[in-house]
Amino acid sequence: PIAVALTRDGQPFDAGVENRYQVIRNETSGVDAVWLRIHILDTTRRDSALYTCIASNKYGRDEFNHQIIVQEAPDIPENVMVNEITSRTALLSWLEPYAGNAIIIKYRLEMKQSLNGWQSSPQSSLPGDNTVESIPGTDTSYIIRGLKPVTAYTLRLSAENKLGFSANCTDIHFNTGEE
């Protein structure tokens, strides 16, 4: 008889722990053949792992590895801060978020003067009433230029990978200085 065991990242895997997992086992009558299928309902990033099926009997042992990588849109950029504010520039910095098991392509910076509401606007290189900037996905800081002196601004930042955008970070408010 063939004994079959499952591991997940090298640890014993018990599909009965969560009802999201179903292990389907099929044994062919009269033949020493067994196959297993793991069905994962409603996958999440926690399911990204190396799953191993180990088959053994008194004649030997074999194993088959299957790497599952669950991809999703990235998380919200973390610790978004505005520092080194002058009358016409400000330094924006953040920590790279969880990328969703895909490369972050770019960050999207939306900025407006605080008195105005959020609205869609074309990409612009100079912050005016409402602008959108693309920042390379490898960056974790950005110098905002072309600001107006003694003006209140609000900005928000999101990350993008091949699967989509994260939600925006919480609105960040700052005021430029005098000249």
C-alpha atoms as a PDB file:
ATOM      1  CA  PRO A   1       0.000   0.000   0.000  1.00  0.00           C
ATOM      2  CA  ILE A   2       1.034   3.562  -0.698  1.00  0.00           C
ATOM      3  CA  ALA A   3       0.979   6.080   2.155  1.00  0.00           C
ATOM      4  CA  VAL A   4       0.466   9.683   1.092  1.00  0.00           C
ATOM      5  CA  ALA A   5       1.291  12.766   3.157  1.00  0.00           C
ATOM      6  CA  LEU A   6       0.984  16.481   2.382  1.00  0.00           C
ATOM      7  CA  THR A   7       3.198  19.296   3.605  1.00  0.00           C
ATOM      8  CA  ARG A   8       2.997  23.033   3.245  1.00  0.00           C
ATOM      9  CA  ASP A   9       6.329  24.868   3.418  1.00  0.00           C
ATOM     10  CA  GLY A  10       7.837  21.731   4.931  1.00  0.00           C
ATOM     11  CA  GLN A  11       5.260  21.422   7.729  1.00  0.00           C
ATOM     12  CA  PRO A  12       2.525  18.755   7.895  1.00  0.00           C
ATOM     13  CA  PHE A  13      -0.577  20.041   6.117  1.00  0.00           C
ATOM     14  CA  ASP A  14      -3.984  19.244   7.580  1.00  0.00           C
ATOM     15  CA  ALA A  15      -6.681  20.360   5.152  1.00  0.00           C
ATOM     16  CA  GLY A  16      -9.346  19.819   7.815  1.00  0.00           C
ATOM     17  CA  VAL A  17      -8.135  22.812   9.838  1.00  0.00           C
ATOM     18  CA  GLU A  18      -9.927  25.273   7.556  1.00  0.00           C
ATOM     19  CA  ASN A  19     -13.034  24.578   5.497  1.00  0.00           C
ATOM     20  CA  ARG A  20     -11.508  26.492   2.551  1.00  0.00           C
ATOM     21  CA  TYR A  21      -9.413  23.424   1.708  1.00  0.00           C
ATOM     22  CA  GLN A  22     -10.706  20.245   0.144  1.00  0.00           C
ATOM     23  CA  VAL A  23      -8.454  17.236  -0.432  1.00  0.00           C
ATOM     24  CA  ILE A  24      -9.824  14.846  -3.023  1.00  0.00           C
ATOM     25  CA  ARG A  25      -8.244  11.403  -2.968  1.00  0.00           C
ATOM     26  CA  ASN A  26      -8.690   8.742  -5.637  1.00  0.00           C
ATOM     27  CA  GLU A  27      -7.355   5.223  -5.410  1.00  0.00           C
ATOM     28  CA  THR A  28      -7.590   2.875  -8.366  1.00  0.00           C
ATOM     29  CA  SER A  29      -8.949  -0.516  -7.285  1.00  0.00           C
ATOM     30  CA  GLY A  30      -6.523  -3.401  -7.749  1.00  0.00           C
ATOM     31  CA  VAL A  31      -3.680  -1.085  -8.796  1.00  0.00           C
ATOM     32  CA  ASP A  32      -1.217   0.651  -6.520  1.00  0.00           C
ATOM     33  CA  ALA A  33      -2.079   4.099  -7.902  1.00  0.00           C
ATOM     34  CA  VAL A  34      -3.191   7.062  -5.841  1.00  0.00           C
ATOM     35  CA  TRP A  35      -3.726  10.686  -6.738  1.00  0.00           C
ATOM     36  CA  LEU A  36      -4.592  13.660  -4.578  1.00  0.00           C
ATOM     37  CA  ARG A  37      -6.014  17.005  -5.534  1.00  0.00           C
ATOM     38  CA  ILE A  38      -6.091  20.003  -3.200  1.00  0.00           C
ATOM     39  CA  HIS A  39      -8.871  22.435  -3.963  1.00  0.00           C
ATOM     40  CA  ILE A  40      -8.520  25.858  -2.290  1.00  0.00           C
ATOM     41  CA  LEU A  41     -11.707  27.869  -2.077  1.00  0.00           C
ATOM     42  CA  ASP A  42     -11.349  31.657  -1.910  1.00  0.00           C
ATOM     43  CA  THR A  43      -7.549  31.887  -2.127  1.00  0.00           C
ATOM     44  CA  THR A  44      -5.707  34.553  -0.141  1.00  0.00           C
ATOM     45  CA  ARG A  45      -2.072  35.567   0.115  1.00  0.00           C
ATOM     46  CA  ARG A  46      -1.713  33.134   3.037  1.00  0.00           C
ATOM     47  CA  ASP A  47      -2.087  30.299   0.521  1.00  0.00           C
ATOM     48  CA  SER A  48       1.183  31.219  -1.221  1.00  0.00           C
ATOM     49  CA  ALA A  49       3.431  28.313  -0.253  1.00  0.00           C
ATOM     50  CA  LEU A  50       5.344  25.254  -1.401  1.00  0.00           C
ATOM     51  CA  TYR A  51       2.960  22.284  -1.241  1.00  0.00           C
ATOM     52  CA  THR A  52       4.550  18.827  -1.299  1.00  0.00           C
ATOM     53  CA  CYS A  53       2.878  15.457  -1.843  1.00  0.00           C
ATOM     54  CA  ILE A  54       4.968  12.617  -0.412  1.00  0.00           C
ATOM     55  CA  ALA A  55       4.162   9.046  -1.453  1.00  0.00           C
ATOM     56  CA  SER A  56       5.919   6.132   0.204  1.00  0.00           C
ATOM     57  CA  ASN A  57       5.722   2.388   0.724  1.00  0.00           C
ATOM     58  CA  LYS A  58       8.138  -0.373   1.676  1.00  0.00           C
ATOM     59  CA  TYR A  59       9.840  -0.081  -1.744  1.00  0.00           C
ATOM     60  CA  GLY A  60      10.691   3.584  -1.611  1.00  0.00           C
ATOM     61  CA  ARG A  61       9.575   7.162  -1.507  1.00  0.00           C
ATOM     62  CA  ASP A  62       8.839   9.953  -3.976  1.00  0.00           C
ATOM     63  CA  GLU A  63       7.630  13.502  -3.698  1.00  0.00           C
ATOM     64  CA  PHE A  64       6.173  16.154  -5.933  1.00  0.00           C
ATOM     65  CA  ASN A  65       6.463  19.881  -5.193  1.00  0.00           C
ATOM     66  CA  HIS A  66       4.044  22.506  -6.369  1.00  0.00           C
ATOM     67  CA  GLN A  67       4.695  26.200  -5.674  1.00  0.00           C
ATOM     68  CA  ILE A  68       1.562  28.335  -5.425  1.00  0.00           C
ATOM     69  CA  ILE A  69       1.931  32.102  -5.631  1.00  0.00           C
ATOM     70  CA  VAL A  70      -1.253  34.066  -5.071  1.00  0.00           C
ATOM     71  CA  GLN A  71      -1.029  37.466  -6.737  1.00  0.00           C
ATOM     72  CA  GLU A  72      -3.170  40.485  -5.927  1.00  0.00           C
ATOM     73  CA  ALA A  73      -3.163  44.260  -6.121  1.00  0.00           C
ATOM     74  CA  PRO A  74      -0.606  45.836  -3.767  1.00  0.00           C
ATOM     75  CA  ASP A  75      -1.344  47.086  -0.269  1.00  0.00           C
ATOM     76  CA  ILE A  76      -1.563  50.782   0.563  1.00  0.00           C
ATOM     77  CA  PRO A  77       1.823  52.567   0.795  1.00  0.00           C
ATOM     78  CA  GLU A  78       2.850  52.820   4.455  1.00  0.00           C
ATOM     79  CA  ASN A  79       4.154  55.685   6.613  1.00  0.00           C
ATOM     80  CA  VAL A  80       3.477  58.311   3.958  1.00  0.00           C
ATOM     81  CA  MET A  81       5.024  61.579   5.178  1.00  0.00           C
ATOM     82  CA  VAL A  82       5.733  65.044   3.847  1.00  0.00           C
ATOM     83  CA  ASN A  83       9.045  66.490   5.083  1.00  0.00           C
ATOM     84  CA  GLU A  84      11.415  69.311   4.205  1.00  0.00           C
ATOM     85  CA  ILE A  85       8.614  71.671   3.186  1.00  0.00           C
ATOM     86  CA  THR A  86       9.685  74.995   1.649  1.00  0.00           C
ATOM     87  CA  SER A  87       7.651  77.671  -0.106  1.00  0.00           C
ATOM     88  CA  ARG A  88       7.750  75.812  -3.444  1.00  0.00           C
ATOM     89  CA  THR A  89       8.825  72.205  -2.764  1.00  0.00           C
ATOM     90  CA  ALA A  90       8.155  69.340  -0.383  1.00  0.00           C
ATOM     91  CA  LEU A  91       9.731  65.920   0.061  1.00  0.00           C
ATOM     92  CA  LEU A  92       7.268  63.034   0.063  1.00  0.00           C
ATOM     93  CA  SER A  93       8.476  59.692   1.461  1.00  0.00           C
ATOM     94  CA  TRP A  94       6.883  56.317   2.207  1.00  0.00           C
ATOM     95  CA  LEU A  95       7.652  52.671   2.897  1.00  0.00           C
ATOM     96  CA  GLU A  96       7.157  50.156   0.120  1.00  0.00           C
ATOM     97  CA  PRO A  97       3.956  48.199   0.755  1.00  0.00           C
ATOM     98  CA  TYR A  98       3.336  44.494   0.282  1.00  0.00           C
ATOM     99  CA  ALA A  99       3.522  44.233  -3.521  1.00  0.00           C
ATOM    100  CA  GLY A 100       0.924  41.478  -3.966  1.00  0.00           C
ATOM    101  CA  ASN A 101       3.570  38.997  -5.222  1.00  0.00           C
ATOM    102  CA  ALA A 102       4.019  41.160  -8.310  1.00  0.00           C
ATOM    103  CA  ILE A 103       6.401  44.026  -9.018  1.00  0.00           C
ATOM    104  CA  ILE A 104       5.152  47.509  -8.173  1.00  0.00           C
ATOM    105  CA  ILE A 105       5.127  49.292 -11.528  1.00  0.00           C
ATOM    106  CA  LYS A 106       4.476  52.803 -10.273  1.00  0.00           C
ATOM    107  CA  TYR A 107       2.996  54.943  -7.573  1.00  0.00           C
ATOM    108  CA  ARG A 108       0.193  57.362  -8.265  1.00  0.00           C
ATOM    109  CA  LEU A 109       0.354  60.691  -6.439  1.00  0.00           C
ATOM    110  CA  GLU A 110      -2.811  62.764  -6.436  1.00  0.00           C
ATOM    111  CA  MET A 111      -2.546  66.275  -5.060  1.00  0.00           C
ATOM    112  CA  LYS A 112      -4.829  69.283  -4.730  1.00  0.00           C
ATOM    113  CA  GLN A 113      -5.087  72.531  -2.898  1.00  0.00           C
ATOM    114  CA  SER A 114      -6.880  71.701   0.344  1.00  0.00           C
ATOM    115  CA  LEU A 115      -9.890  73.911  -0.364  1.00  0.00           C
ATOM    116  CA  ASN A 116     -10.756  71.982  -3.534  1.00  0.00           C
ATOM    117  CA  GLY A 117     -12.469  68.586  -3.798  1.00  0.00           C
ATOM    118  CA  TRP A 118     -10.985  65.495  -5.409  1.00  0.00           C
ATOM    119  CA  GLN A 119     -11.779  65.183  -9.108  1.00  0.00           C
ATOM    120  CA  SER A 120     -10.262  63.398 -12.071  1.00  0.00           C
ATOM    121  CA  SER A 121      -7.726  65.422 -13.938  1.00  0.00           C
ATOM    122  CA  PRO A 122      -5.194  64.729 -16.671  1.00  0.00           C
ATOM    123  CA  GLN A 123      -1.585  64.068 -15.730  1.00  0.00           C
ATOM    124  CA  SER A 124       0.320  67.242 -15.109  1.00  0.00           C
ATOM    125  CA  SER A 125       3.867  68.123 -14.205  1.00  0.00           C
ATOM    126  CA  LEU A 126       2.999  71.240 -12.214  1.00  0.00           C
ATOM    127  CA  PRO A 127       0.765  70.998  -9.166  1.00  0.00           C
ATOM    128  CA  GLY A 128      -2.215  73.268  -9.602  1.00  0.00           C
ATOM    129  CA  ASP A 129      -5.716  72.762  -8.298  1.00  0.00           C
ATOM    130  CA  ASN A 130      -5.772  68.981  -8.833  1.00  0.00           C
ATOM    131  CA  THR A 131      -2.906  66.941 -10.322  1.00  0.00           C
ATOM    132  CA  VAL A 132      -1.857  63.353 -10.822  1.00  0.00           C
ATOM    133  CA  GLU A 133       1.806  62.319 -10.948  1.00  0.00           C
ATOM    134  CA  SER A 134       3.355  58.956 -11.842  1.00  0.00           C
ATOM    135  CA  ILE A 135       6.357  57.928  -9.739  1.00  0.00           C
ATOM    136  CA  PRO A 136       8.549  54.926 -10.689  1.00  0.00           C
ATOM    137  CA  GLY A 137       7.773  51.797  -8.662  1.00  0.00           C
ATOM    138  CA  THR A 138      11.375  51.554  -7.455  1.00  0.00           C
ATOM    139  CA  ASP A 139      11.210  54.930  -5.675  1.00  0.00           C
ATOM    140  CA  THR A 140      10.139  55.522  -2.081  1.00  0.00           C
ATOM    141  CA  SER A 141      10.531  59.287  -2.074  1.00  0.00           C
ATOM    142  CA  TYR A 142       9.613  62.106  -4.420  1.00  0.00           C
ATOM    143  CA  ILE A 143      10.289  65.847  -4.475  1.00  0.00           C
ATOM    144  CA  ILE A 144       7.102  67.764  -5.218  1.00  0.00           C
ATOM    145  CA  ARG A 145       7.994  70.910  -7.157  1.00  0.00           C
ATOM    146  CA  GLY A 146       6.088  73.939  -8.429  1.00  0.00           C
ATOM    147  CA  LEU A 147       4.059  74.520  -5.261  1.00  0.00           C
ATOM    148  CA  LYS A 148       2.615  77.911  -4.368  1.00  0.00           C
ATOM    149  CA  PRO A 149       3.885  79.719  -1.261  1.00  0.00           C
ATOM    150  CA  VAL A 150       1.638  79.877   1.831  1.00  0.00           C
ATOM    151  CA  THR A 151      -0.809  77.327   0.437  1.00  0.00           C
ATOM    152  CA  ALA A 152      -2.505  74.339   2.043  1.00  0.00           C
ATOM    153  CA  TYR A 153      -2.274  71.091   0.070  1.00  0.00           C
ATOM    154  CA  THR A 154      -3.768  67.620   0.406  1.00  0.00           C
ATOM    155  CA  LEU A 155      -2.264  64.561  -1.227  1.00  0.00           C
ATOM    156  CA  ARG A 156      -2.798  60.832  -1.386  1.00  0.00           C
ATOM    157  CA  LEU A 157      -0.660  58.019  -2.737  1.00  0.00           C
ATOM    158  CA  SER A 158      -1.446  54.577  -4.161  1.00  0.00           C
ATOM    159  CA  ALA A 159       0.679  51.756  -5.611  1.00  0.00           C
ATOM    160  CA  GLU A 160       0.131  49.865  -8.865  1.00  0.00           C
ATOM    161  CA  ASN A 161       1.225  46.426 -10.041  1.00  0.00           C
ATOM    162  CA  LYS A 162       0.082  44.428 -13.094  1.00  0.00           C
ATOM    163  CA  LEU A 163      -3.119  43.451 -11.261  1.00  0.00           C
ATOM    164  CA  GLY A 164      -4.276  46.955 -10.353  1.00  0.00           C
ATOM    165  CA  PHE A 165      -4.025  49.798  -7.878  1.00  0.00           C
ATOM    166  CA  SER A 166      -3.999  49.708  -4.103  1.00  0.00           C
ATOM    167  CA  ALA A 167      -6.425  51.887  -2.213  1.00  0.00           C
ATOM    168  CA  ASN A 168      -5.188  55.408  -1.511  1.00  0.00           C
ATOM    169  CA  CYS A 169      -3.362  56.158   1.695  1.00  0.00           C
ATOM    170  CA  THR A 170      -5.085  58.433   4.187  1.00  0.00           C
ATOM    171  CA  ASP A 171      -5.147  62.044   2.970  1.00  0.00           C
ATOM    172  CA  ILE A 172      -1.975  63.898   3.981  1.00  0.00           C
ATOM    173  CA  HIS A 173      -2.269  67.641   4.662  1.00  0.00           C
ATOM    174  CA  PHE A 174       0.594  70.136   4.623  1.00  0.00           C
ATOM    175  CA  ASN A 175       1.196  73.873   4.218  1.00  0.00           C
ATOM    176  CA  THR A 176       3.970  75.497   2.211  1.00  0.00           C
ATOM    177  CA  GLY A 177       6.073  78.234   3.804  1.00  0.00           C
ATOM    178  CA  GLU A 178       6.460  81.883   3.004  1.00  0.00           C
ATOM    179  CA  GLU A 179       9.034  83.198   0.547  1.00  0.00           C
END
